[in-house]
């Protein structure tokens, strides 16, 4: 089994492209560290296509389970896949599942997994709030008094 990725500097790729690319024989991807910008990933196209087919399959399986009224199976499996989801109220679990299915279908259709990652991050933050009673009290507390007038939004021209 190959490792998930190996860290290499971006300059190593620039100075030794063939040797750096050969490292892909032993890892799934290379993480190219850059000093002044976000890191990049370098991987073989066949590996990227395999990953995309797995995500597509998983998304379609998830949708199929929901359509065949296997929502209870999904509800039971969710804490295994997303352990932090155990802190969400039961009604939020159903909302999470519905949003996850819809977002996964759309994301796969666009070949863009970023919406799924964003959705999971948002729900994880919700779980963090439910897991902390003091934070939940602050977030759900009704504001005291009138918060003042709300300015009319400016129309974009």
Protein backbone atom coordinates (compact mmCIF):
# COMPACT_ATOMS: atom_id res chain seq x y z
CA UNK A 1 0.00 0.00 0.00
CA UNK A 2 1.29 3.45 -0.85
CA UNK A 3 1.39 6.38 1.52
CA UNK A 4 -1.18 9.13 1.16
CA UNK A 5 1.29 11.81 0.17
CA UNK A 6 4.84 13.02 0.55
CA UNK A 7 5.88 16.59 1.32
CA UNK A 8 8.29 18.18 -1.13
CA UNK A 9 9.19 21.78 -1.70
CA UNK A 10 7.88 23.50 -4.79
CA UNK A 11 11.44 24.47 -5.67
CA UNK A 12 12.39 20.76 -5.67
CA UNK A 13 9.81 20.20 -8.42
CA UNK A 14 11.17 23.16 -10.37
CA UNK A 15 14.83 22.10 -10.04
CA UNK A 16 14.38 18.32 -10.37
CA UNK A 17 11.07 17.70 -12.18
CA UNK A 18 11.73 14.12 -13.34
CA UNK A 19 13.07 12.92 -9.99
CA UNK A 20 10.23 14.62 -8.15
CA UNK A 21 7.61 13.10 -10.48
CA UNK A 22 9.14 9.62 -9.96
CA UNK A 23 8.25 9.93 -6.27
CA UNK A 24 4.65 9.40 -7.35
CA UNK A 25 5.52 5.72 -7.83
CA UNK A 26 5.46 5.30 -4.05
CA UNK A 27 2.78 7.73 -2.91
CA UNK A 28 -0.73 8.75 -3.96
CA UNK A 29 0.22 12.40 -4.33
CA UNK A 30 2.92 14.94 -3.64
CA UNK A 31 2.22 17.90 -1.41
CA UNK A 32 4.14 20.81 -2.87
CA UNK A 33 5.01 23.22 -0.06
CA UNK A 34 5.17 26.87 -1.07
CA UNK A 35 6.47 29.67 1.12
CA UNK A 36 4.21 32.52 0.09
CA UNK A 37 1.05 30.69 -0.97
CA UNK A 38 -1.06 27.67 -0.20
CA UNK A 39 0.38 24.23 -0.79
CA UNK A 40 -0.40 22.39 -4.03
CA UNK A 41 -0.97 18.71 -4.76
CA UNK A 42 0.55 16.81 -7.65
CA UNK A 43 -0.93 13.44 -8.58
CA UNK A 44 -1.28 11.16 -11.57
CA UNK A 45 -4.39 11.68 -13.68
CA UNK A 46 -5.38 8.01 -13.41
CA UNK A 47 -5.33 8.32 -9.61
CA UNK A 48 -7.41 11.49 -9.76
CA UNK A 49 -9.94 9.74 -12.03
CA UNK A 50 -10.10 6.77 -9.64
CA UNK A 51 -10.75 9.09 -6.72
CA UNK A 52 -13.46 10.88 -8.69
CA UNK A 53 -15.17 7.60 -9.57
CA UNK A 54 -15.20 6.58 -5.89
CA UNK A 55 -16.73 9.90 -4.89
CA UNK A 56 -19.30 9.61 -7.68
CA UNK A 57 -20.19 6.07 -6.58
CA UNK A 58 -20.44 7.08 -2.93
CA UNK A 59 -22.65 10.03 -3.77
CA UNK A 60 -24.96 7.92 -5.92
CA UNK A 61 -25.11 5.20 -3.25
CA UNK A 62 -26.03 7.79 -0.64
CA UNK A 63 -28.78 9.18 -2.87
CA UNK A 64 -30.02 5.67 -3.66
CA UNK A 65 -30.24 4.75 0.02
CA UNK A 66 -32.29 7.86 0.70
CA UNK A 67 -34.60 7.23 -2.26
CA UNK A 68 -35.26 3.63 -1.17
CA UNK A 69 -36.35 4.78 2.26
CA UNK A 70 -33.19 3.53 3.94
CA UNK A 71 -32.83 6.81 5.81
CA UNK A 72 -32.73 4.91 9.11
CA UNK A 73 -29.66 2.98 7.94
CA UNK A 74 -28.00 6.25 7.00
CA UNK A 75 -28.97 7.79 10.33
CA UNK A 76 -27.35 4.84 12.13
CA UNK A 77 -24.19 4.93 9.96
CA UNK A 78 -23.67 8.69 10.14
CA UNK A 79 -21.95 8.73 13.58
CA UNK A 80 -19.44 6.19 12.26
CA UNK A 81 -18.59 8.38 9.27
CA UNK A 82 -18.86 11.69 11.15
CA UNK A 83 -18.24 11.01 14.86
CA UNK A 84 -18.91 14.65 15.80
CA UNK A 85 -22.49 14.30 14.47
CA UNK A 86 -23.46 12.58 17.73
CA UNK A 87 -23.67 16.04 19.30
CA UNK A 88 -26.34 17.22 16.85
CA UNK A 89 -30.02 17.06 17.83
CA UNK A 90 -32.01 14.31 16.08
CA UNK A 91 -33.89 16.76 13.85
CA UNK A 92 -30.60 18.29 12.74
CA UNK A 93 -29.30 14.83 11.76
CA UNK A 94 -32.15 14.55 9.25
CA UNK A 95 -31.40 18.03 7.91
CA UNK A 96 -27.69 17.18 7.65
CA UNK A 97 -28.50 14.03 5.68
CA UNK A 98 -30.83 15.85 3.31
CA UNK A 99 -28.33 18.64 2.70
CA UNK A 100 -25.48 16.17 2.30
CA UNK A 101 -27.34 14.16 -0.33
CA UNK A 102 -28.38 17.25 -2.31
CA UNK A 103 -24.95 18.84 -2.07
CA UNK A 104 -23.14 15.62 -3.02
CA UNK A 105 -25.31 15.18 -6.11
CA UNK A 106 -24.69 18.74 -7.24
CA UNK A 107 -20.99 18.69 -6.44
CA UNK A 108 -20.39 15.47 -8.37
CA UNK A 109 -22.33 16.85 -11.33
CA UNK A 110 -20.01 19.87 -11.33
CA UNK A 111 -16.83 17.87 -10.63
CA UNK A 112 -16.26 20.18 -7.67
CA UNK A 113 -16.08 18.66 -4.18
CA UNK A 114 -15.59 22.00 -2.43
CA UNK A 115 -19.33 22.39 -1.63
CA UNK A 116 -19.30 19.05 0.22
CA UNK A 117 -16.25 20.04 2.24
CA UNK A 118 -17.85 23.40 3.09
CA UNK A 119 -21.11 21.75 4.16
CA UNK A 120 -19.29 19.27 6.41
CA UNK A 121 -17.25 22.09 7.96
CA UNK A 122 -20.40 24.10 8.67
CA UNK A 123 -22.15 21.15 10.29
CA UNK A 124 -19.03 20.29 12.29
CA UNK A 125 -19.05 23.83 13.70
CA UNK A 126 -22.71 23.36 14.65
CA UNK A 127 -21.80 20.13 16.46
CA UNK A 128 -19.02 21.98 18.30
CA UNK A 129 -21.57 24.48 19.58
CA UNK A 130 -24.01 21.75 20.71
CA UNK A 131 -21.14 19.92 22.44
CA UNK A 132 -20.28 22.95 24.61
CA UNK A 133 -23.17 23.89 26.94
CA UNK A 134 -21.69 27.32 27.71
CA UNK A 135 -21.25 28.15 24.03
CA UNK A 136 -24.74 26.85 23.21
CA UNK A 137 -26.19 29.10 25.90
CA UNK A 138 -24.41 32.14 24.47
CA UNK A 139 -25.46 31.41 20.88
CA UNK A 140 -29.11 30.62 21.68
CA UNK A 141 -29.69 33.38 24.25
CA UNK A 142 -32.21 36.01 23.25
CA UNK A 143 -30.67 39.47 22.96
CA UNK A 144 -31.59 41.97 25.63
CA UNK A 145 -33.38 45.11 24.56
CA UNK A 146 -33.71 46.70 21.16
CA UNK A 147 -30.65 46.37 18.98
CA UNK A 148 -31.48 49.55 17.11
CA UNK A 149 -32.48 50.33 13.56
CA UNK A 150 -31.21 48.27 10.65
CA UNK A 151 -29.91 50.35 7.74
CA UNK A 152 -31.57 49.87 4.37
CA UNK A 153 -29.25 47.87 2.08
CA UNK A 154 -27.72 49.79 -0.80
CA UNK A 155 -28.74 48.62 -4.25
CA UNK A 156 -25.88 47.48 -6.45
CA UNK A 157 -25.66 49.49 -9.64
